[in-house]
Amino acid sequence: MAQKTAQLHKYLCVVASEGGIDPEVWLVGYAELKGKGLFLEYRDELKKSYGESQAWMKVFVFQHFSMNRFSIDLNNFKKEHRDFSILEAAHELGRIHKKEIFA
């Protein structure tokens, strides 16, 4: 499934770029992507499947939406980075979590 995710995203990045669209992948619920999480194999295969593709730059990782974890995390980040728009804050937070999970 990770290979299919990367394959589809890379394809969409090529096709959509012709129309000025920049597709993103948001992985939500990162707890299962670290430690003894259920999706460690998916995480590793996803990174491997992207290889050196520029599409990897448009993959973002976040806490789960349940119990407002995503909103709380984003709001806390935004408090420390007031000059960021909400989209800039989300992207930067998603990059930070991606580094944590895929390091």
C-alpha atoms as a PDB file:
ATOM      1  CA  MET A   1       0.000   0.000   0.000  1.00  0.00           C
ATOM      2  CA  ALA A   2       2.869   2.398   0.746  1.00  0.00           C
ATOM      3  CA  GLN A   3       4.259   1.833  -2.732  1.00  0.00           C
ATOM      4  CA  LYS A   4       0.858   2.645  -4.247  1.00  0.00           C
ATOM      5  CA  THR A   5       0.584   5.808  -2.138  1.00  0.00           C
ATOM      6  CA  ALA A   6       3.971   7.054  -3.316  1.00  0.00           C
ATOM      7  CA  GLN A   7       3.311   6.006  -6.907  1.00  0.00           C
ATOM      8  CA  LEU A   8      -0.014   7.847  -7.031  1.00  0.00           C
ATOM      9  CA  HIS A   9       1.359  10.960  -5.350  1.00  0.00           C
ATOM     10  CA  LYS A  10       4.381  11.157  -7.650  1.00  0.00           C
ATOM     11  CA  TYR A  11       2.110  10.733 -10.685  1.00  0.00           C
ATOM     12  CA  LEU A  12      -0.280  13.425  -9.448  1.00  0.00           C
ATOM     13  CA  CYS A  13       2.625  15.801  -8.847  1.00  0.00           C
ATOM     14  CA  VAL A  14       3.701  15.450 -12.475  1.00  0.00           C
ATOM     15  CA  VAL A  15       0.204  15.705 -13.972  1.00  0.00           C
ATOM     16  CA  ALA A  16      -1.065  18.415 -11.638  1.00  0.00           C
ATOM     17  CA  SER A  17       2.010  20.603 -12.033  1.00  0.00           C
ATOM     18  CA  GLU A  18       0.888  21.305 -15.591  1.00  0.00           C
ATOM     19  CA  GLY A  19      -2.216  22.948 -14.118  1.00  0.00           C
ATOM     20  CA  GLY A  20      -0.367  24.765 -11.337  1.00  0.00           C
ATOM     21  CA  ILE A  21      -1.627  22.401  -8.633  1.00  0.00           C
ATOM     22  CA  ASP A  22       0.722  21.067  -5.948  1.00  0.00           C
ATOM     23  CA  PRO A  23      -0.699  17.825  -4.439  1.00  0.00           C
ATOM     24  CA  GLU A  24       0.222  16.947  -0.870  1.00  0.00           C
ATOM     25  CA  VAL A  25       0.056  13.827   1.271  1.00  0.00           C
ATOM     26  CA  TRP A  26      -0.853  14.323   4.908  1.00  0.00           C
ATOM     27  CA  LEU A  27      -0.141  11.362   7.184  1.00  0.00           C
ATOM     28  CA  VAL A  28      -2.359  11.848  10.202  1.00  0.00           C
ATOM     29  CA  GLY A  29      -1.894   9.877  13.385  1.00  0.00           C
ATOM     30  CA  TYR A  30       1.871   9.609  13.655  1.00  0.00           C
ATOM     31  CA  ALA A  31       1.876   7.634  16.911  1.00  0.00           C
ATOM     32  CA  GLU A  32       1.438   4.426  14.933  1.00  0.00           C
ATOM     33  CA  LEU A  33       4.421   5.334  12.730  1.00  0.00           C
ATOM     34  CA  LYS A  34       6.985   5.292  15.544  1.00  0.00           C
ATOM     35  CA  GLY A  35       8.182   3.139  18.421  1.00  0.00           C
ATOM     36  CA  LYS A  36       6.285  -0.125  18.338  1.00  0.00           C
ATOM     37  CA  GLY A  37       3.511   1.342  16.209  1.00  0.00           C
ATOM     38  CA  LEU A  38       1.310  -0.705  13.956  1.00  0.00           C
ATOM     39  CA  PHE A  39       2.504   0.993  10.753  1.00  0.00           C
ATOM     40  CA  LEU A  40       6.305   0.828  11.019  1.00  0.00           C
ATOM     41  CA  GLU A  41       6.565  -1.319   7.901  1.00  0.00           C
ATOM     42  CA  TYR A  42       4.344   1.139   6.019  1.00  0.00           C
ATOM     43  CA  ARG A  43       6.521   4.058   7.192  1.00  0.00           C
ATOM     44  CA  ASP A  44       9.732   2.407   6.030  1.00  0.00           C
ATOM     45  CA  GLU A  45       8.289   1.275   2.708  1.00  0.00           C
ATOM     46  CA  LEU A  46       6.792   4.727   2.056  1.00  0.00           C
ATOM     47  CA  LYS A  47      10.139   6.474   2.489  1.00  0.00           C
ATOM     48  CA  LYS A  48      11.858   3.874   0.317  1.00  0.00           C
ATOM     49  CA  SER A  49       9.175   4.204  -2.382  1.00  0.00           C
ATOM     50  CA  TYR A  50       9.652   7.954  -2.730  1.00  0.00           C
ATOM     51  CA  GLY A  51      13.394   7.586  -3.189  1.00  0.00           C
ATOM     52  CA  GLU A  52      14.863  10.884  -4.371  1.00  0.00           C
ATOM     53  CA  SER A  53      11.549  12.150  -5.760  1.00  0.00           C
ATOM     54  CA  GLN A  54      10.728  15.825  -5.202  1.00  0.00           C
ATOM     55  CA  ALA A  55       7.229  14.678  -4.245  1.00  0.00           C
ATOM     56  CA  TRP A  56       8.709  13.659  -0.864  1.00  0.00           C
ATOM     57  CA  MET A  57       8.909  17.369  -0.030  1.00  0.00           C
ATOM     58  CA  LYS A  58       5.094  17.455  -0.164  1.00  0.00           C
ATOM     59  CA  VAL A  59       4.573  14.728   2.428  1.00  0.00           C
ATOM     60  CA  PHE A  60       3.601  16.038   5.871  1.00  0.00           C
ATOM     61  CA  VAL A  61       3.077  14.199   9.177  1.00  0.00           C
ATOM     62  CA  PHE A  62       0.661  15.227  11.917  1.00  0.00           C
ATOM     63  CA  GLN A  63      -0.923  14.107  15.147  1.00  0.00           C
ATOM     64  CA  HIS A  64      -4.330  12.491  14.894  1.00  0.00           C
ATOM     65  CA  PHE A  65      -7.506  14.549  14.583  1.00  0.00           C
ATOM     66  CA  SER A  66      -9.123  12.707  17.508  1.00  0.00           C
ATOM     67  CA  MET A  67      -9.469  14.544  20.798  1.00  0.00           C
ATOM     68  CA  ASN A  68      -8.366  17.726  18.996  1.00  0.00           C
ATOM     69  CA  ARG A  69      -4.705  16.633  19.015  1.00  0.00           C
ATOM     70  CA  PHE A  70      -4.114  18.084  15.547  1.00  0.00           C
ATOM     71  CA  SER A  71      -5.690  21.436  16.490  1.00  0.00           C
ATOM     72  CA  ILE A  72      -3.921  21.653  19.837  1.00  0.00           C
ATOM     73  CA  ASP A  73      -0.558  20.878  18.247  1.00  0.00           C
ATOM     74  CA  LEU A  74      -1.099  23.387  15.444  1.00  0.00           C
ATOM     75  CA  ASN A  75      -2.352  26.115  17.804  1.00  0.00           C
ATOM     76  CA  ASN A  76       0.636  25.649  20.128  1.00  0.00           C
ATOM     77  CA  PHE A  77       2.994  25.867  17.168  1.00  0.00           C
ATOM     78  CA  LYS A  78       1.202  28.959  15.874  1.00  0.00           C
ATOM     79  CA  LYS A  79       1.587  30.712  19.265  1.00  0.00           C
ATOM     80  CA  GLU A  80       5.356  30.487  18.874  1.00  0.00           C
ATOM     81  CA  HIS A  81       5.286  31.404  15.176  1.00  0.00           C
ATOM     82  CA  ARG A  82       2.744  34.191  14.924  1.00  0.00           C
ATOM     83  CA  ASP A  83       4.212  35.456  11.661  1.00  0.00           C
ATOM     84  CA  PHE A  84       3.257  32.206   9.874  1.00  0.00           C
ATOM     85  CA  SER A  85      -0.052  31.898   8.063  1.00  0.00           C
ATOM     86  CA  ILE A  86      -2.115  28.910   9.128  1.00  0.00           C
ATOM     87  CA  LEU A  87      -1.001  27.016   6.004  1.00  0.00           C
ATOM     88  CA  GLU A  88       2.664  27.897   6.552  1.00  0.00           C
ATOM     89  CA  ALA A  89       2.359  26.767  10.167  1.00  0.00           C
ATOM     90  CA  ALA A  90       0.724  23.483   9.150  1.00  0.00           C
ATOM     91  CA  HIS A  91       3.416  22.805   6.565  1.00  0.00           C
ATOM     92  CA  GLU A  92       6.258  23.573   8.963  1.00  0.00           C
ATOM     93  CA  LEU A  93       4.704  21.496  11.735  1.00  0.00           C
ATOM     94  CA  GLY A  94       4.199  18.654   9.252  1.00  0.00           C
ATOM     95  CA  ARG A  95       7.881  18.870   8.261  1.00  0.00           C
ATOM     96  CA  ILE A  96       9.002  18.826  11.889  1.00  0.00           C
ATOM     97  CA  HIS A  97       6.962  15.713  12.624  1.00  0.00           C
ATOM     98  CA  LYS A  98       8.152  14.090   9.388  1.00  0.00           C
ATOM     99  CA  LYS A  99      11.775  14.557  10.509  1.00  0.00           C
ATOM    100  CA  GLU A 100      10.910  12.989  13.868  1.00  0.00           C
ATOM    101  CA  ILE A 101       9.177   9.992  12.314  1.00  0.00           C
ATOM    102  CA  PHE A 102      11.390   9.336   9.295  1.00  0.00           C
ATOM    103  CA  ALA A 103      14.801  10.216  10.784  1.00  0.00           C
END
